[in-house]
Amino acid sequence: MRLKPEQVERIRSIVAEQAGPRAMVWLFGSRIDDTARGGDVDLLVELPTEVEAPALLAARIAGRISRALDDRKVDVVLAAPNLKPQPIHEVAKSEGMRL
């Protein structure tokens, strides 16, 4: 995984602040490959309860994490009981790693 421990802790902290302490977060994509270089930070945030404004929440989480990671590009995908499951959710959970 190409994130420092303090970056992982900051991501977890921001997700908890924005989505609640029961939200789970997975890192997936190129950042889990230790041999790759560059790339954005792809995150799946799974919520145990329904979310009213998913686009707003995803944007808020991505923006705050981006600023915490020196303006690195961050993509956030949400999963919640009221959101339709997408193939990216399964990819993120099967190929990614939980932070």
PDB file of N, CA and C in Angstrom:
ATOM      1  N   MET A   1       0.856  -1.167   0.000  1.00  0.00           N
ATOM      2  CA  MET A   1       0.000   0.000   0.000  1.00  0.00           C
ATOM      3  C   MET A   1       0.905   1.234   0.000  1.00  0.00           C
ATOM      4  N   ARG A   2       0.588   2.162  -0.876  1.00  0.00           N
ATOM      5  CA  ARG A   2       1.410   3.365  -0.994  1.00  0.00           C
ATOM      6  C   ARG A   2       0.782   4.564  -0.286  1.00  0.00           C
ATOM      7  N   LEU A   3       0.518   4.368   0.989  1.00  0.00           N
ATOM      8  CA  LEU A   3       0.106   5.451   1.880  1.00  0.00           C
ATOM      9  C   LEU A   3       0.877   5.286   3.175  1.00  0.00           C
ATOM     10  N   LYS A   4       1.273   6.387   3.748  1.00  0.00           N
ATOM     11  CA  LYS A   4       1.973   6.354   5.030  1.00  0.00           C
ATOM     12  C   LYS A   4       0.958   6.128   6.146  1.00  0.00           C
ATOM     13  N   PRO A   5       1.403   5.557   7.265  1.00  0.00           N
ATOM     14  CA  PRO A   5       0.473   5.314   8.384  1.00  0.00           C
ATOM     15  C   PRO A   5      -0.282   6.568   8.824  1.00  0.00           C
ATOM     16  N   GLU A   6       0.392   7.709   8.837  1.00  0.00           N
ATOM     17  CA  GLU A   6      -0.292   8.944   9.252  1.00  0.00           C
ATOM     18  C   GLU A   6      -1.340   9.373   8.220  1.00  0.00           C
ATOM     19  N   GLN A   7      -1.120   9.048   6.938  1.00  0.00           N
ATOM     20  CA  GLN A   7      -2.123   9.345   5.923  1.00  0.00           C
ATOM     21  C   GLN A   7      -3.344   8.450   6.096  1.00  0.00           C
ATOM     22  N   VAL A   8      -3.106   7.183   6.383  1.00  0.00           N
ATOM     23  CA  VAL A   8      -4.209   6.247   6.625  1.00  0.00           C
ATOM     24  C   VAL A   8      -5.031   6.718   7.817  1.00  0.00           C
ATOM     25  N   GLU A   9      -4.368   7.121   8.880  1.00  0.00           N
ATOM     26  CA  GLU A   9      -5.088   7.581  10.073  1.00  0.00           C
ATOM     27  C   GLU A   9      -5.888   8.839   9.774  1.00  0.00           C
ATOM     28  N   ARG A  10      -5.340   9.726   8.981  1.00  0.00           N
ATOM     29  CA  ARG A  10      -6.063  10.949   8.628  1.00  0.00           C
ATOM     30  C   ARG A  10      -7.296  10.618   7.785  1.00  0.00           C
ATOM     31  N   ILE A  11      -7.156   9.693   6.834  1.00  0.00           N
ATOM     32  CA  ILE A  11      -8.298   9.263   6.020  1.00  0.00           C
ATOM     33  C   ILE A  11      -9.387   8.690   6.911  1.00  0.00           C
ATOM     34  N   ARG A  12      -9.006   7.801   7.799  1.00  0.00           N
ATOM     35  CA  ARG A  12      -9.990   7.183   8.696  1.00  0.00           C
ATOM     36  C   ARG A  12     -10.687   8.229   9.564  1.00  0.00           C
ATOM     37  N   SER A  13      -9.925   9.183  10.042  1.00  0.00           N
ATOM     38  CA  SER A  13     -10.470  10.239  10.880  1.00  0.00           C
ATOM     39  C   SER A  13     -11.469  11.107  10.110  1.00  0.00           C
ATOM     40  N   ILE A  14     -11.126  11.488   8.906  1.00  0.00           N
ATOM     41  CA  ILE A  14     -12.018  12.315   8.095  1.00  0.00           C
ATOM     42  C   ILE A  14     -13.296  11.562   7.750  1.00  0.00           C
ATOM     43  N   VAL A  15     -13.170  10.294   7.386  1.00  0.00           N
ATOM     44  CA  VAL A  15     -14.369   9.497   7.081  1.00  0.00           C
ATOM     45  C   VAL A  15     -15.266   9.396   8.309  1.00  0.00           C
ATOM     46  N   ALA A  16     -14.685   9.164   9.473  1.00  0.00           N
ATOM     47  CA  ALA A  16     -15.484   9.082  10.704  1.00  0.00           C
ATOM     48  C   ALA A  16     -16.166  10.415  10.999  1.00  0.00           C
ATOM     49  N   GLU A  17     -15.458  11.529  10.809  1.00  0.00           N
ATOM     50  CA  GLU A  17     -16.044  12.853  11.047  1.00  0.00           C
ATOM     51  C   GLU A  17     -17.223  13.120  10.115  1.00  0.00           C
ATOM     52  N   GLN A  18     -17.081  12.743   8.862  1.00  0.00           N
ATOM     53  CA  GLN A  18     -18.074  13.076   7.845  1.00  0.00           C
ATOM     54  C   GLN A  18     -19.197  12.047   7.719  1.00  0.00           C
ATOM     55  N   ALA A  19     -18.877  10.783   7.902  1.00  0.00           N
ATOM     56  CA  ALA A  19     -19.848   9.715   7.649  1.00  0.00           C
ATOM     57  C   ALA A  19     -20.243   8.951   8.907  1.00  0.00           C
ATOM     58  N   GLY A  20     -19.621   9.251  10.019  1.00  0.00           N
ATOM     59  CA  GLY A  20     -19.945   8.574  11.268  1.00  0.00           C
ATOM     60  C   GLY A  20     -18.917   7.518  11.630  1.00  0.00           C
ATOM     61  N   PRO A  21     -18.829   7.195  12.912  1.00  0.00           N
ATOM     62  CA  PRO A  21     -17.808   6.267  13.386  1.00  0.00           C
ATOM     63  C   PRO A  21     -17.985   4.822  12.922  1.00  0.00           C
ATOM     64  N   ARG A  22     -19.176   4.482  12.450  1.00  0.00           N
ATOM     65  CA  ARG A  22     -19.407   3.101  11.995  1.00  0.00           C
ATOM     66  C   ARG A  22     -19.125   2.918  10.510  1.00  0.00           C
ATOM     67  N   ALA A  23     -18.768   3.979   9.813  1.00  0.00           N
ATOM     68  CA  ALA A  23     -18.439   3.877   8.386  1.00  0.00           C
ATOM     69  C   ALA A  23     -17.133   3.100   8.227  1.00  0.00           C
ATOM     70  N   MET A  24     -17.088   2.268   7.214  1.00  0.00           N
ATOM     71  CA  MET A  24     -15.880   1.503   6.906  1.00  0.00           C
ATOM     72  C   MET A  24     -15.300   2.032   5.607  1.00  0.00           C
ATOM     73  N   VAL A  25     -13.971   2.007   5.505  1.00  0.00           N
ATOM     74  CA  VAL A  25     -13.327   2.558   4.317  1.00  0.00           C
ATOM     75  C   VAL A  25     -12.310   1.560   3.761  1.00  0.00           C
ATOM     76  N   TRP A  26     -12.344   1.414   2.435  1.00  0.00           N
ATOM     77  CA  TRP A  26     -11.416   0.546   1.715  1.00  0.00           C
ATOM     78  C   TRP A  26     -10.611   1.382   0.735  1.00  0.00           C
ATOM     79  N   LEU A  27      -9.337   1.084   0.633  1.00  0.00           N
ATOM     80  CA  LEU A  27      -8.474   1.647  -0.393  1.00  0.00           C
ATOM     81  C   LEU A  27      -8.407   0.640  -1.523  1.00  0.00           C
ATOM     82  N   PHE A  28      -8.587   1.101  -2.760  1.00  0.00           N
ATOM     83  CA  PHE A  28      -8.467   0.194  -3.901  1.00  0.00           C
ATOM     84  C   PHE A  28      -7.816   0.943  -5.050  1.00  0.00           C
ATOM     85  N   GLY A  29      -7.574   0.252  -6.134  1.00  0.00           N
ATOM     86  CA  GLY A  29      -6.940   0.883  -7.285  1.00  0.00           C
ATOM     87  C   GLY A  29      -5.426   0.844  -7.179  1.00  0.00           C
ATOM     88  N   SER A  30      -4.782   1.767  -7.879  1.00  0.00           N
ATOM     89  CA  SER A  30      -3.322   1.731  -8.008  1.00  0.00           C
ATOM     90  C   SER A  30      -2.576   1.948  -6.703  1.00  0.00           C
ATOM     91  N   ARG A  31      -3.175   2.583  -5.738  1.00  0.00           N
ATOM     92  CA  ARG A  31      -2.476   2.859  -4.476  1.00  0.00           C
ATOM     93  C   ARG A  31      -2.228   1.606  -3.629  1.00  0.00           C
ATOM     94  N   ILE A  32      -2.870   0.499  -3.942  1.00  0.00           N
ATOM     95  CA  ILE A  32      -2.574  -0.727  -3.182  1.00  0.00           C
ATOM     96  C   ILE A  32      -1.403  -1.490  -3.793  1.00  0.00           C
ATOM     97  N   ASP A  33      -0.947  -1.052  -4.968  1.00  0.00           N
ATOM     98  CA  ASP A  33       0.162  -1.698  -5.667  1.00  0.00           C
ATOM     99  C   ASP A  33       1.461  -1.004  -5.296  1.00  0.00           C
ATOM    100  N   ASP A  34       2.302  -1.682  -4.524  1.00  0.00           N
ATOM    101  CA  ASP A  34       3.565  -1.102  -4.068  1.00  0.00           C
ATOM    102  C   ASP A  34       4.550  -0.846  -5.206  1.00  0.00           C
ATOM    103  N   THR A  35       4.361  -1.482  -6.345  1.00  0.00           N
ATOM    104  CA  THR A  35       5.296  -1.298  -7.457  1.00  0.00           C
ATOM    105  C   THR A  35       4.881  -0.171  -8.398  1.00  0.00           C
ATOM    106  N   ALA A  36       3.664   0.308  -8.268  1.00  0.00           N
ATOM    107  CA  ALA A  36       3.175   1.375  -9.146  1.00  0.00           C
ATOM    108  C   ALA A  36       3.697   2.727  -8.660  1.00  0.00           C
ATOM    109  N   ARG A  37       3.522   3.732  -9.498  1.00  0.00           N
ATOM    110  CA  ARG A  37       3.922   5.096  -9.143  1.00  0.00           C
ATOM    111  C   ARG A  37       2.755   6.033  -9.434  1.00  0.00           C
ATOM    112  N   GLY A  38       2.661   7.097  -8.639  1.00  0.00           N
ATOM    113  CA  GLY A  38       1.628   8.094  -8.877  1.00  0.00           C
ATOM    114  C   GLY A  38       0.233   7.548  -8.660  1.00  0.00           C
ATOM    115  N   GLY A  39      -0.712   8.169  -9.317  1.00  0.00           N
ATOM    116  CA  GLY A  39      -2.097   7.717  -9.232  1.00  0.00           C
ATOM    117  C   GLY A  39      -2.877   8.418  -8.149  1.00  0.00           C
ATOM    118  N   ASP A  40      -4.186   8.402  -8.322  1.00  0.00           N
ATOM    119  CA  ASP A  40      -5.052   9.022  -7.334  1.00  0.00           C
ATOM    120  C   ASP A  40      -5.339   8.049  -6.201  1.00  0.00           C
ATOM    121  N   VAL A  41      -6.084   8.510  -5.229  1.00  0.00           N
ATOM    122  CA  VAL A  41      -6.470   7.684  -4.089  1.00  0.00           C
ATOM    123  C   VAL A  41      -7.937   7.313  -4.282  1.00  0.00           C
ATOM    124  N   ASP A  42      -8.205   6.028  -4.472  1.00  0.00           N
ATOM    125  CA  ASP A  42      -9.564   5.526  -4.680  1.00  0.00           C
ATOM    126  C   ASP A  42     -10.060   4.898  -3.382  1.00  0.00           C
ATOM    127  N   LEU A  43     -11.196   5.385  -2.906  1.00  0.00           N
ATOM    128  CA  LEU A  43     -11.747   4.910  -1.643  1.00  0.00           C
ATOM    129  C   LEU A  43     -13.196   4.488  -1.809  1.00  0.00           C
ATOM    130  N   LEU A  44     -13.535   3.396  -1.144  1.00  0.00           N
ATOM    131  CA  LEU A  44     -14.928   2.986  -0.979  1.00  0.00           C
ATOM    132  C   LEU A  44     -15.282   3.247   0.470  1.00  0.00           C
ATOM    133  N   VAL A  45     -16.342   4.012   0.696  1.00  0.00           N
ATOM    134  CA  VAL A  45     -16.832   4.270   2.046  1.00  0.00           C
ATOM    135  C   VAL A  45     -18.181   3.586   2.163  1.00  0.00           C
ATOM    136  N   GLU A  46     -18.262   2.633   3.083  1.00  0.00           N
ATOM    137  CA  GLU A  46     -19.491   1.873   3.282  1.00  0.00           C
ATOM    138  C   GLU A  46     -20.161   2.325   4.571  1.00  0.00           C
ATOM    139  N   LEU A  47     -21.416   2.726   4.421  1.00  0.00           N
ATOM    140  CA  LEU A  47     -22.187   3.230   5.560  1.00  0.00           C
ATOM    141  C   LEU A  47     -23.241   2.213   5.964  1.00  0.00           C
ATOM    142  N   PRO A  48     -23.466   2.036   7.264  1.00  0.00           N
ATOM    143  CA  PRO A  48     -24.466   1.067   7.720  1.00  0.00           C
ATOM    144  C   PRO A  48     -25.899   1.594   7.647  1.00  0.00           C
ATOM    145  N   THR A  49     -26.050   2.896   7.448  1.00  0.00           N
ATOM    146  CA  THR A  49     -27.375   3.506   7.390  1.00  0.00           C
ATOM    147  C   THR A  49     -27.548   4.268   6.083  1.00  0.00           C
ATOM    148  N   GLU A  50     -28.778   4.617   5.793  1.00  0.00           N
ATOM    149  CA  GLU A  50     -29.063   5.351   4.561  1.00  0.00           C
ATOM    150  C   GLU A  50     -28.405   6.723   4.583  1.00  0.00           C
ATOM    151  N   VAL A  51     -28.082   7.214   3.392  1.00  0.00           N
ATOM    152  CA  VAL A  51     -27.484   8.532   3.257  1.00  0.00           C
ATOM    153  C   VAL A  51     -28.407   9.388   2.389  1.00  0.00           C
ATOM    154  N   GLU A  52     -28.700  10.592   2.863  1.00  0.00           N
ATOM    155  CA  GLU A  52     -29.666  11.453   2.174  1.00  0.00           C
ATOM    156  C   GLU A  52     -29.105  12.119   0.923  1.00  0.00           C
ATOM    157  N   ALA A  53     -27.886  12.601   0.970  1.00  0.00           N
ATOM    158  CA  ALA A  53     -27.285  13.324  -0.154  1.00  0.00           C
ATOM    159  C   ALA A  53     -25.938  12.690  -0.485  1.00  0.00           C
ATOM    160  N   PRO A  54     -25.957  11.547  -1.165  1.00  0.00           N
ATOM    161  CA  PRO A  54     -24.706  10.819  -1.387  1.00  0.00           C
ATOM    162  C   PRO A  54     -23.655  11.591  -2.188  1.00  0.00           C
ATOM    163  N   ALA A  55     -24.062  12.320  -3.204  1.00  0.00           N
ATOM    164  CA  ALA A  55     -23.074  13.059  -4.006  1.00  0.00           C
ATOM    165  C   ALA A  55     -22.385  14.125  -3.157  1.00  0.00           C
ATOM    166  N   LEU A  56     -23.150  14.809  -2.347  1.00  0.00           N
ATOM    167  CA  LEU A  56     -22.588  15.840  -1.479  1.00  0.00           C
ATOM    168  C   LEU A  56     -21.637  15.234  -0.452  1.00  0.00           C
ATOM    169  N   LEU A  57     -22.033  14.130   0.161  1.00  0.00           N
ATOM    170  CA  LEU A  57     -21.184  13.482   1.150  1.00  0.00           C
ATOM    171  C   LEU A  57     -19.891  12.987   0.510  1.00  0.00           C
ATOM    172  N   ALA A  58     -19.978  12.336  -0.643  1.00  0.00           N
ATOM    173  CA  ALA A  58     -18.775  11.842  -1.321  1.00  0.00           C
ATOM    174  C   ALA A  58     -17.845  12.991  -1.680  1.00  0.00           C
ATOM    175  N   ALA A  59     -18.399  14.089  -2.166  1.00  0.00           N
ATOM    176  CA  ALA A  59     -17.583  15.249  -2.535  1.00  0.00           C
ATOM    177  C   ALA A  59     -16.923  15.875  -1.309  1.00  0.00           C
ATOM    178  N   ARG A  60     -17.659  15.957  -0.221  1.00  0.00           N
ATOM    179  CA  ARG A  60     -17.107  16.540   1.004  1.00  0.00           C
ATOM    180  C   ARG A  60     -15.956  15.687   1.539  1.00  0.00           C
ATOM    181  N   ILE A  61     -16.149  14.362   1.554  1.00  0.00           N
ATOM    182  CA  ILE A  61     -15.087  13.464   2.023  1.00  0.00           C
ATOM    183  C   ILE A  61     -13.872  13.576   1.108  1.00  0.00           C
ATOM    184  N   ALA A  62     -14.092  13.506  -0.195  1.00  0.00           N
ATOM    185  CA  ALA A  62     -12.983  13.573  -1.152  1.00  0.00           C
ATOM    186  C   ALA A  62     -12.215  14.883  -1.022  1.00  0.00           C
ATOM    187  N   GLY A  63     -12.926  15.989  -0.896  1.00  0.00           N
ATOM    188  CA  GLY A  63     -12.266  17.286  -0.781  1.00  0.00           C
ATOM    189  C   GLY A  63     -11.413  17.397   0.465  1.00  0.00           C
ATOM    190  N   ARG A  64     -11.930  16.950   1.572  1.00  0.00           N
ATOM    191  CA  ARG A  64     -11.182  17.047   2.834  1.00  0.00           C
ATOM    192  C   ARG A  64      -9.974  16.127   2.844  1.00  0.00           C
ATOM    193  N   ILE A  65     -10.142  14.934   2.291  1.00  0.00           N
ATOM    194  CA  ILE A  65      -8.999  14.020   2.229  1.00  0.00           C
ATOM    195  C   ILE A  65      -7.959  14.558   1.250  1.00  0.00           C
ATOM    196  N   SER A  66      -8.395  15.093   0.135  1.00  0.00           N
ATOM    197  CA  SER A  66      -7.462  15.669  -0.837  1.00  0.00           C
ATOM    198  C   SER A  66      -6.608  16.754  -0.182  1.00  0.00           C
ATOM    199  N   ARG A  67      -7.233  17.646   0.557  1.00  0.00           N
ATOM    200  CA  ARG A  67      -6.476  18.702   1.232  1.00  0.00           C
ATOM    201  C   ARG A  67      -5.509  18.116   2.260  1.00  0.00           C
ATOM    202  N   ALA A  68      -5.930  17.066   2.958  1.00  0.00           N
ATOM    203  CA  ALA A  68      -5.068  16.437   3.966  1.00  0.00           C
ATOM    204  C   ALA A  68      -3.884  15.715   3.333  1.00  0.00           C
ATOM    205  N   LEU A  69      -4.018  15.323   2.061  1.00  0.00           N
ATOM    206  CA  LEU A  69      -2.962  14.606   1.352  1.00  0.00           C
ATOM    207  C   LEU A  69      -2.278  15.515   0.331  1.00  0.00           C
ATOM    208  N   ASP A  70      -2.135  16.780   0.684  1.00  0.00           N
ATOM    209  CA  ASP A  70      -1.425  17.746  -0.168  1.00  0.00           C
ATOM    210  C   ASP A  70      -2.024  17.864  -1.560  1.00  0.00           C
ATOM    211  N   ASP A  71      -3.339  17.928  -1.627  1.00  0.00           N
ATOM    212  CA  ASP A  71      -4.090  18.133  -2.870  1.00  0.00           C
ATOM    213  C   ASP A  71      -3.986  16.984  -3.876  1.00  0.00           C
ATOM    214  N   ARG A  72      -3.690  15.789  -3.387  1.00  0.00           N
ATOM    215  CA  ARG A  72      -3.714  14.615  -4.260  1.00  0.00           C
ATOM    216  C   ARG A  72      -5.152  14.354  -4.669  1.00  0.00           C
ATOM    217  N   LYS A  73      -5.362  13.897  -5.894  1.00  0.00           N
ATOM    218  CA  LYS A  73      -6.713  13.587  -6.374  1.00  0.00           C
ATOM    219  C   LYS A  73      -7.269  12.395  -5.597  1.00  0.00           C
ATOM    220  N   VAL A  74      -8.505  12.534  -5.138  1.00  0.00           N
ATOM    221  CA  VAL A  74      -9.167  11.495  -4.349  1.00  0.00           C
ATOM    222  C   VAL A  74     -10.537  11.226  -4.959  1.00  0.00           C
ATOM    223  N   ASP A  75     -10.827   9.955  -5.202  1.00  0.00           N
ATOM    224  CA  ASP A  75     -12.138   9.533  -5.673  1.00  0.00           C
ATOM    225  C   ASP A  75     -12.807   8.730  -4.563  1.00  0.00           C
ATOM    226  N   VAL A  76     -14.048   9.076  -4.255  1.00  0.00           N
ATOM    227  CA  VAL A  76     -14.796   8.386  -3.200  1.00  0.00           C
ATOM    228  C   VAL A  76     -16.058   7.785  -3.798  1.00  0.00           C
ATOM    229  N   VAL A  77     -16.242   6.491  -3.546  1.00  0.00           N
ATOM    230  CA  VAL A  77     -17.449   5.773  -3.930  1.00  0.00           C
ATOM    231  C   VAL A  77     -18.160   5.406  -2.630  1.00  0.00           C
ATOM    232  N   LEU A  78     -19.457   5.653  -2.578  1.00  0.00           N
ATOM    233  CA  LEU A  78     -20.229   5.331  -1.376  1.00  0.00           C
ATOM    234  C   LEU A  78     -21.055   4.066  -1.575  1.00  0.00           C
ATOM    235  N   ALA A  79     -21.208   3.326  -0.495  1.00  0.00           N
ATOM    236  CA  ALA A  79     -22.123   2.184  -0.455  1.00  0.00           C
ATOM    237  C   ALA A  79     -22.981   2.377   0.797  1.00  0.00           C
ATOM    238  N   ALA A  80     -24.294   2.264   0.618  1.00  0.00           N
ATOM    239  CA  ALA A  80     -25.239   2.419   1.734  1.00  0.00           C
ATOM    240  C   ALA A  80     -26.489   1.623   1.401  1.00  0.00           C
ATOM    241  N   PRO A  81     -27.302   1.303   2.414  1.00  0.00           N
ATOM    242  CA  PRO A  81     -28.501   0.501   2.168  1.00  0.00           C
ATOM    243  C   PRO A  81     -29.457   1.080   1.131  1.00  0.00           C
ATOM    244  N   ASN A  82     -29.503   2.393   0.987  1.00  0.00           N
ATOM    245  CA  ASN A  82     -30.429   2.999   0.036  1.00  0.00           C
ATOM    246  C   ASN A  82     -29.797   3.304  -1.326  1.00  0.00           C
ATOM    247  N   LEU A  83     -28.545   2.901  -1.523  1.00  0.00           N
ATOM    248  CA  LEU A  83     -27.873   3.132  -2.806  1.00  0.00           C
ATOM    249  C   LEU A  83     -27.763   1.818  -3.574  1.00  0.00           C
ATOM    250  N   LYS A  84     -28.026   1.877  -4.866  1.00  0.00           N
ATOM    251  CA  LYS A  84     -27.975   0.692  -5.704  1.00  0.00           C
ATOM    252  C   LYS A  84     -26.539   0.169  -5.795  1.00  0.00           C
ATOM    253  N   PRO A  85     -26.330  -1.111  -5.497  1.00  0.00           N
ATOM    254  CA  PRO A  85     -24.985  -1.679  -5.616  1.00  0.00           C
ATOM    255  C   PRO A  85     -24.495  -1.602  -7.068  1.00  0.00           C
ATOM    256  N   GLN A  86     -23.222  -1.282  -7.201  1.00  0.00           N
ATOM    257  CA  GLN A  86     -22.580  -1.188  -8.509  1.00  0.00           C
ATOM    258  C   GLN A  86     -21.413  -2.164  -8.557  1.00  0.00           C
ATOM    259  N   PRO A  87     -20.977  -2.553  -9.757  1.00  0.00           N
ATOM    260  CA  PRO A  87     -19.824  -3.466  -9.862  1.00  0.00           C
ATOM    261  C   PRO A  87     -18.568  -2.938  -9.154  1.00  0.00           C
ATOM    262  N   ILE A  88     -18.372  -1.617  -9.130  1.00  0.00           N
ATOM    263  CA  ILE A  88     -17.185  -1.052  -8.478  1.00  0.00           C
ATOM    264  C   ILE A  88     -17.149  -1.372  -6.992  1.00  0.00           C
ATOM    265  N   HIS A  89     -18.306  -1.534  -6.365  1.00  0.00           N
ATOM    266  CA  HIS A  89     -18.342  -1.879  -4.947  1.00  0.00           C
ATOM    267  C   HIS A  89     -17.691  -3.241  -4.702  1.00  0.00           C
ATOM    268  N   GLU A  90     -18.037  -4.208  -5.527  1.00  0.00           N
ATOM    269  CA  GLU A  90     -17.471  -5.549  -5.372  1.00  0.00           C
ATOM    270  C   GLU A  90     -15.976  -5.560  -5.678  1.00  0.00           C
ATOM    271  N   VAL A  91     -15.565  -4.841  -6.704  1.00  0.00           N
ATOM    272  CA  VAL A  91     -14.141  -4.744  -7.051  1.00  0.00           C
ATOM    273  C   VAL A  91     -13.361  -4.140  -5.885  1.00  0.00           C
ATOM    274  N   ALA A  92     -13.872  -3.049  -5.339  1.00  0.00           N
ATOM    275  CA  ALA A  92     -13.183  -2.373  -4.236  1.00  0.00           C
ATOM    276  C   ALA A  92     -13.022  -3.290  -3.028  1.00  0.00           C
ATOM    277  N   LYS A  93     -14.057  -4.055  -2.711  1.00  0.00           N
ATOM    278  CA  LYS A  93     -13.989  -4.924  -1.538  1.00  0.00           C
ATOM    279  C   LYS A  93     -13.161  -6.176  -1.785  1.00  0.00           C
ATOM    280  N   SER A  94     -13.206  -6.702  -3.013  1.00  0.00           N
ATOM    281  CA  SER A  94     -12.470  -7.944  -3.289  1.00  0.00           C
ATOM    282  C   SER A  94     -10.987  -7.694  -3.589  1.00  0.00           C
ATOM    283  N   GLU A  95     -10.669  -6.564  -4.221  1.00  0.00           N
ATOM    284  CA  GLU A  95      -9.281  -6.297  -4.606  1.00  0.00           C
ATOM    285  C   GLU A  95      -8.614  -5.272  -3.704  1.00  0.00           C
ATOM    286  N   GLY A  96      -9.407  -4.521  -2.952  1.00  0.00           N
ATOM    287  CA  GLY A  96      -8.854  -3.473  -2.115  1.00  0.00           C
ATOM    288  C   GLY A  96      -8.513  -3.971  -0.721  1.00  0.00           C
ATOM    289  N   MET A  97      -8.140  -3.015   0.108  1.00  0.00           N
ATOM    290  CA  MET A  97      -7.821  -3.351   1.492  1.00  0.00           C
ATOM    291  C   MET A  97      -8.528  -2.372   2.421  1.00  0.00           C
ATOM    292  N   ARG A  98      -9.037  -2.925   3.500  1.00  0.00           N
ATOM    293  CA  ARG A  98      -9.756  -2.083   4.467  1.00  0.00           C
ATOM    294  C   ARG A  98      -8.747  -1.277   5.274  1.00  0.00           C
ATOM    295  N   LEU A  99      -9.051  -0.015   5.423  1.00  0.00           N
ATOM    296  CA  LEU A  99      -8.175   0.854   6.232  1.00  0.00           C
ATOM    297  C   LEU A  99      -8.662   0.915   7.665  1.00  0.00           C
TER     298      LEU A  99
END
